[in-house]
Amino acid sequence: MAGGMGTIGNVVDEEEENDNIPTILSIISFVLSIAVLAVGIMTWTSANGETFGSLFE
């Protein structure tokens, strides 16, 4: 082997995915999960004839 140390190259991938897309998708999924939770609580309270405040009594 002809001497010389190996080097680690930093190759920039030009087709790298934009980092904003996963952030936006995670925000959208969080908002949708909160909406599903709110609909579930509203359905549960209206089916039992209670109000949302009665959950904390």
PDB file of N, CA and C in Angstrom:
ATOM      1  N   MET A   1       0.848  -1.168   0.000  1.00  0.00           N
ATOM      2  CA  MET A   1       0.000   0.000   0.000  1.00  0.00           C
ATOM      3  C   MET A   1       0.893   1.230   0.000  1.00  0.00           C
ATOM      4  N   ALA A   2       0.661   2.103  -0.930  1.00  0.00           N
ATOM      5  CA  ALA A   2       1.466   3.315  -1.016  1.00  0.00           C
ATOM      6  C   ALA A   2       1.035   4.245   0.100  1.00  0.00           C
ATOM      7  N   GLY A   3       1.970   4.643   0.955  1.00  0.00           N
ATOM      8  CA  GLY A   3       1.698   5.402   2.184  1.00  0.00           C
ATOM      9  C   GLY A   3       0.794   6.595   1.999  1.00  0.00           C
ATOM     10  N   GLY A   4       0.318   7.096   3.068  1.00  0.00           N
ATOM     11  CA  GLY A   4      -0.584   8.243   3.047  1.00  0.00           C
ATOM     12  C   GLY A   4      -1.790   7.947   3.918  1.00  0.00           C
ATOM     13  N   MET A   5      -2.214   8.930   4.625  1.00  0.00           N
ATOM     14  CA  MET A   5      -3.364   8.753   5.500  1.00  0.00           C
ATOM     15  C   MET A   5      -4.649   8.925   4.698  1.00  0.00           C
ATOM     16  N   GLY A   6      -5.624   8.152   5.079  1.00  0.00           N
ATOM     17  CA  GLY A   6      -6.932   8.317   4.466  1.00  0.00           C
ATOM     18  C   GLY A   6      -7.597   9.579   4.997  1.00  0.00           C
ATOM     19  N   THR A   7      -8.360  10.189   4.187  1.00  0.00           N
ATOM     20  CA  THR A   7      -9.053  11.399   4.622  1.00  0.00           C
ATOM     21  C   THR A   7     -10.553  11.191   4.507  1.00  0.00           C
ATOM     22  N   ILE A   8     -11.253  11.923   5.306  1.00  0.00           N
ATOM     23  CA  ILE A   8     -12.710  11.862   5.266  1.00  0.00           C
ATOM     24  C   ILE A   8     -13.174  13.059   4.457  1.00  0.00           C
ATOM     25  N   GLY A   9     -13.877  12.792   3.405  1.00  0.00           N
ATOM     26  CA  GLY A   9     -14.335  13.885   2.549  1.00  0.00           C
ATOM     27  C   GLY A   9     -15.735  14.319   2.930  1.00  0.00           C
ATOM     28  N   ASN A  10     -15.958  15.585   2.900  1.00  0.00           N
ATOM     29  CA  ASN A  10     -17.285  16.131   3.115  1.00  0.00           C
ATOM     30  C   ASN A  10     -17.899  16.438   1.758  1.00  0.00           C
ATOM     31  N   VAL A  11     -18.713  15.524   1.292  1.00  0.00           N
ATOM     32  CA  VAL A  11     -19.356  15.697   0.005  1.00  0.00           C
ATOM     33  C   VAL A  11     -20.748  16.259   0.242  1.00  0.00           C
ATOM     34  N   VAL A  12     -21.023  17.378  -0.382  1.00  0.00           N
ATOM     35  CA  VAL A  12     -22.329  18.004  -0.239  1.00  0.00           C
ATOM     36  C   VAL A  12     -23.241  17.414  -1.308  1.00  0.00           C
ATOM     37  N   ASP A  13     -24.314  16.820  -0.829  1.00  0.00           N
ATOM     38  CA  ASP A  13     -25.278  16.227  -1.753  1.00  0.00           C
ATOM     39  C   ASP A  13     -26.194  17.331  -2.262  1.00  0.00           C
ATOM     40  N   GLU A  14     -26.143  17.582  -3.556  1.00  0.00           N
ATOM     41  CA  GLU A  14     -26.942  18.663  -4.125  1.00  0.00           C
ATOM     42  C   GLU A  14     -28.424  18.332  -4.156  1.00  0.00           C
ATOM     43  N   GLU A  15     -28.769  17.048  -4.037  1.00  0.00           N
ATOM     44  CA  GLU A  15     -30.169  16.657  -4.060  1.00  0.00           C
ATOM     45  C   GLU A  15     -30.717  16.455  -2.648  1.00  0.00           C
ATOM     46  N   GLU A  16     -30.069  17.057  -1.652  1.00  0.00           N
ATOM     47  CA  GLU A  16     -30.498  16.909  -0.270  1.00  0.00           C
ATOM     48  C   GLU A  16     -31.885  17.521  -0.089  1.00  0.00           C
ATOM     49  N   GLU A  17     -32.732  16.809   0.663  1.00  0.00           N
ATOM     50  CA  GLU A  17     -34.097  17.262   0.873  1.00  0.00           C
ATOM     51  C   GLU A  17     -34.104  18.507   1.758  1.00  0.00           C
ATOM     52  N   ASN A  18     -35.028  19.373   1.473  1.00  0.00           N
ATOM     53  CA  ASN A  18     -35.163  20.602   2.241  1.00  0.00           C
ATOM     54  C   ASN A  18     -35.575  20.271   3.672  1.00  0.00           C
ATOM     55  N   ASP A  19     -34.931  20.891   4.671  1.00  0.00           N
ATOM     56  CA  ASP A  19     -35.228  20.589   6.069  1.00  0.00           C
ATOM     57  C   ASP A  19     -36.540  21.200   6.540  1.00  0.00           C
ATOM     58  N   ASN A  20     -37.129  22.067   5.767  1.00  0.00           N
ATOM     59  CA  ASN A  20     -38.385  22.683   6.177  1.00  0.00           C
ATOM     60  C   ASN A  20     -39.561  21.737   6.034  1.00  0.00           C
ATOM     61  N   ILE A  21     -39.506  20.815   5.112  1.00  0.00           N
ATOM     62  CA  ILE A  21     -40.633  19.921   4.858  1.00  0.00           C
ATOM     63  C   ILE A  21     -40.945  19.040   6.071  1.00  0.00           C
ATOM     64  N   PRO A  22     -39.972  18.365   6.696  1.00  0.00           N
ATOM     65  CA  PRO A  22     -40.306  17.576   7.889  1.00  0.00           C
ATOM     66  C   PRO A  22     -40.823  18.430   9.049  1.00  0.00           C
ATOM     67  N   THR A  23     -40.320  19.638   9.179  1.00  0.00           N
ATOM     68  CA  THR A  23     -40.792  20.525  10.240  1.00  0.00           C
ATOM     69  C   THR A  23     -42.246  20.908  10.015  1.00  0.00           C
ATOM     70  N   ILE A  24     -42.577  21.254   8.793  1.00  0.00           N
ATOM     71  CA  ILE A  24     -43.954  21.634   8.474  1.00  0.00           C
ATOM     72  C   ILE A  24     -44.892  20.452   8.673  1.00  0.00           C
ATOM     73  N   LEU A  25     -44.479  19.265   8.235  1.00  0.00           N
ATOM     74  CA  LEU A  25     -45.324  18.083   8.402  1.00  0.00           C
ATOM     75  C   LEU A  25     -45.520  17.729   9.867  1.00  0.00           C
ATOM     76  N   SER A  26     -44.512  17.916  10.696  1.00  0.00           N
ATOM     77  CA  SER A  26     -44.671  17.611  12.116  1.00  0.00           C
ATOM     78  C   SER A  26     -45.615  18.611  12.784  1.00  0.00           C
ATOM     79  N   ILE A  27     -45.574  19.872  12.371  1.00  0.00           N
ATOM     80  CA  ILE A  27     -46.499  20.863  12.918  1.00  0.00           C
ATOM     81  C   ILE A  27     -47.933  20.542  12.507  1.00  0.00           C
ATOM     82  N   ILE A  28     -48.111  20.173  11.256  1.00  0.00           N
ATOM     83  CA  ILE A  28     -49.454  19.827  10.767  1.00  0.00           C
ATOM     84  C   ILE A  28     -49.991  18.604  11.510  1.00  0.00           C
ATOM     85  N   SER A  29     -49.155  17.592  11.720  1.00  0.00           N
ATOM     86  CA  SER A  29     -49.623  16.398  12.419  1.00  0.00           C
ATOM     87  C   SER A  29     -49.951  16.698  13.875  1.00  0.00           C
ATOM     88  N   PHE A  30     -49.189  17.602  14.514  1.00  0.00           N
ATOM     89  CA  PHE A  30     -49.489  17.992  15.889  1.00  0.00           C
ATOM     90  C   PHE A  30     -50.835  18.701  15.967  1.00  0.00           C
ATOM     91  N   VAL A  31     -51.087  19.629  15.055  1.00  0.00           N
ATOM     92  CA  VAL A  31     -52.355  20.357  15.048  1.00  0.00           C
ATOM     93  C   VAL A  31     -53.521  19.414  14.796  1.00  0.00           C
ATOM     94  N   LEU A  32     -53.343  18.469  13.884  1.00  0.00           N
ATOM     95  CA  LEU A  32     -54.411  17.510  13.612  1.00  0.00           C
ATOM     96  C   LEU A  32     -54.673  16.600  14.807  1.00  0.00           C
ATOM     97  N   SER A  33     -53.630  16.224  15.533  1.00  0.00           N
ATOM     98  CA  SER A  33     -53.844  15.370  16.710  1.00  0.00           C
ATOM     99  C   SER A  33     -54.589  16.129  17.802  1.00  0.00           C
ATOM    100  N   ILE A  34     -54.293  17.421  17.956  1.00  0.00           N
ATOM    101  CA  ILE A  34     -55.044  18.235  18.915  1.00  0.00           C
ATOM    102  C   ILE A  34     -56.506  18.350  18.492  1.00  0.00           C
ATOM    103  N   ALA A  35     -56.756  18.486  17.195  1.00  0.00           N
ATOM    104  CA  ALA A  35     -58.133  18.579  16.691  1.00  0.00           C
ATOM    105  C   ALA A  35     -58.891  17.281  16.944  1.00  0.00           C
ATOM    106  N   VAL A  36     -58.239  16.153  16.727  1.00  0.00           N
ATOM    107  CA  VAL A  36     -58.889  14.858  16.980  1.00  0.00           C
ATOM    108  C   VAL A  36     -59.200  14.703  18.465  1.00  0.00           C
ATOM    109  N   LEU A  37     -58.288  15.117  19.314  1.00  0.00           N
ATOM    110  CA  LEU A  37     -58.520  15.052  20.751  1.00  0.00           C
ATOM    111  C   LEU A  37     -59.693  15.945  21.154  1.00  0.00           C
ATOM    112  N   ALA A  38     -59.767  17.148  20.595  1.00  0.00           N
ATOM    113  CA  ALA A  38     -60.864  18.060  20.911  1.00  0.00           C
ATOM    114  C   ALA A  38     -62.206  17.501  20.462  1.00  0.00           C
ATOM    115  N   VAL A  39     -62.249  16.923  19.273  1.00  0.00           N
ATOM    116  CA  VAL A  39     -63.501  16.328  18.781  1.00  0.00           C
ATOM    117  C   VAL A  39     -63.906  15.146  19.672  1.00  0.00           C
ATOM    118  N   GLY A  40     -62.935  14.355  20.085  1.00  0.00           N
ATOM    119  CA  GLY A  40     -63.237  13.227  20.974  1.00  0.00           C
ATOM    120  C   GLY A  40     -63.794  13.673  22.314  1.00  0.00           C
ATOM    121  N   ILE A  41     -63.219  14.729  22.879  1.00  0.00           N
ATOM    122  CA  ILE A  41     -63.726  15.241  24.165  1.00  0.00           C
ATOM    123  C   ILE A  41     -65.112  15.843  24.000  1.00  0.00           C
ATOM    124  N   MET A  42     -65.325  16.586  22.898  1.00  0.00           N
ATOM    125  CA  MET A  42     -66.647  17.170  22.673  1.00  0.00           C
ATOM    126  C   MET A  42     -67.691  16.084  22.462  1.00  0.00           C
ATOM    127  N   THR A  43     -67.340  15.027  21.746  1.00  0.00           N
ATOM    128  CA  THR A  43     -68.282  13.934  21.523  1.00  0.00           C
ATOM    129  C   THR A  43     -68.596  13.217  22.833  1.00  0.00           C
ATOM    130  N   TRP A  44     -67.580  12.992  23.644  1.00  0.00           N
ATOM    131  CA  TRP A  44     -67.784  12.286  24.907  1.00  0.00           C
ATOM    132  C   TRP A  44     -68.643  13.093  25.863  1.00  0.00           C
ATOM    133  N   THR A  45     -68.386  14.411  25.939  1.00  0.00           N
ATOM    134  CA  THR A  45     -69.163  15.232  26.865  1.00  0.00           C
ATOM    135  C   THR A  45     -70.591  15.415  26.378  1.00  0.00           C
ATOM    136  N   SER A  46     -70.816  15.540  25.080  1.00  0.00           N
ATOM    137  CA  SER A  46     -72.188  15.720  24.587  1.00  0.00           C
ATOM    138  C   SER A  46     -72.981  14.429  24.673  1.00  0.00           C
ATOM    139  N   ALA A  47     -72.323  13.278  24.567  1.00  0.00           N
ATOM    140  CA  ALA A  47     -73.026  11.999  24.667  1.00  0.00           C
ATOM    141  C   ALA A  47     -73.469  11.729  26.097  1.00  0.00           C
ATOM    142  N   ASN A  48     -72.736  12.243  27.080  1.00  0.00           N
ATOM    143  CA  ASN A  48     -73.074  12.020  28.489  1.00  0.00           C
ATOM    144  C   ASN A  48     -73.850  13.188  29.089  1.00  0.00           C
ATOM    145  N   GLY A  49     -74.173  14.194  28.304  1.00  0.00           N
ATOM    146  CA  GLY A  49     -74.920  15.340  28.787  1.00  0.00           C
ATOM    147  C   GLY A  49     -74.123  16.214  29.730  1.00  0.00           C
ATOM    148  N   GLU A  50     -72.811  16.159  29.661  1.00  0.00           N
ATOM    149  CA  GLU A  50     -71.964  16.948  30.554  1.00  0.00           C
ATOM    150  C   GLU A  50     -71.352  18.107  29.773  1.00  0.00           C
ATOM    151  N   THR A  51     -70.733  18.991  30.511  1.00  0.00           N
ATOM    152  CA  THR A  51     -69.971  20.066  29.862  1.00  0.00           C
ATOM    153  C   THR A  51     -68.490  19.781  29.998  1.00  0.00           C
ATOM    154  N   PHE A  52     -67.692  20.534  29.273  1.00  0.00           N
ATOM    155  CA  PHE A  52     -66.238  20.326  29.333  1.00  0.00           C
ATOM    156  C   PHE A  52     -65.707  20.626  30.727  1.00  0.00           C
ATOM    157  N   GLY A  53     -66.274  21.596  31.400  1.00  0.00           N
ATOM    158  CA  GLY A  53     -65.825  21.948  32.745  1.00  0.00           C
ATOM    159  C   GLY A  53     -66.064  20.856  33.760  1.00  0.00           C
ATOM    160  N   SER A  54     -67.042  20.005  33.529  1.00  0.00           N
ATOM    161  CA  SER A  54     -67.322  18.928  34.489  1.00  0.00           C
ATOM    162  C   SER A  54     -66.241  17.856  34.477  1.00  0.00           C
ATOM    163  N   LEU A  55     -65.361  17.873  33.493  1.00  0.00           N
ATOM    164  CA  LEU A  55     -64.252  16.923  33.485  1.00  0.00           C
ATOM    165  C   LEU A  55     -63.273  17.196  34.619  1.00  0.00           C
ATOM    166  N   PHE A  56     -63.216  18.452  35.100  1.00  0.00           N
ATOM    167  CA  PHE A  56     -62.248  18.854  36.093  1.00  0.00           C
ATOM    168  C   PHE A  56     -62.826  18.987  37.487  1.00  0.00           C
ATOM    169  N   GLU A  57     -64.071  18.567  37.678  1.00  0.00           N
ATOM    170  CA  GLU A  57     -64.694  18.649  39.008  1.00  0.00           C
ATOM    171  C   GLU A  57     -64.341  17.448  39.852  1.00  0.00           C
TER     172      GLU A  57
END
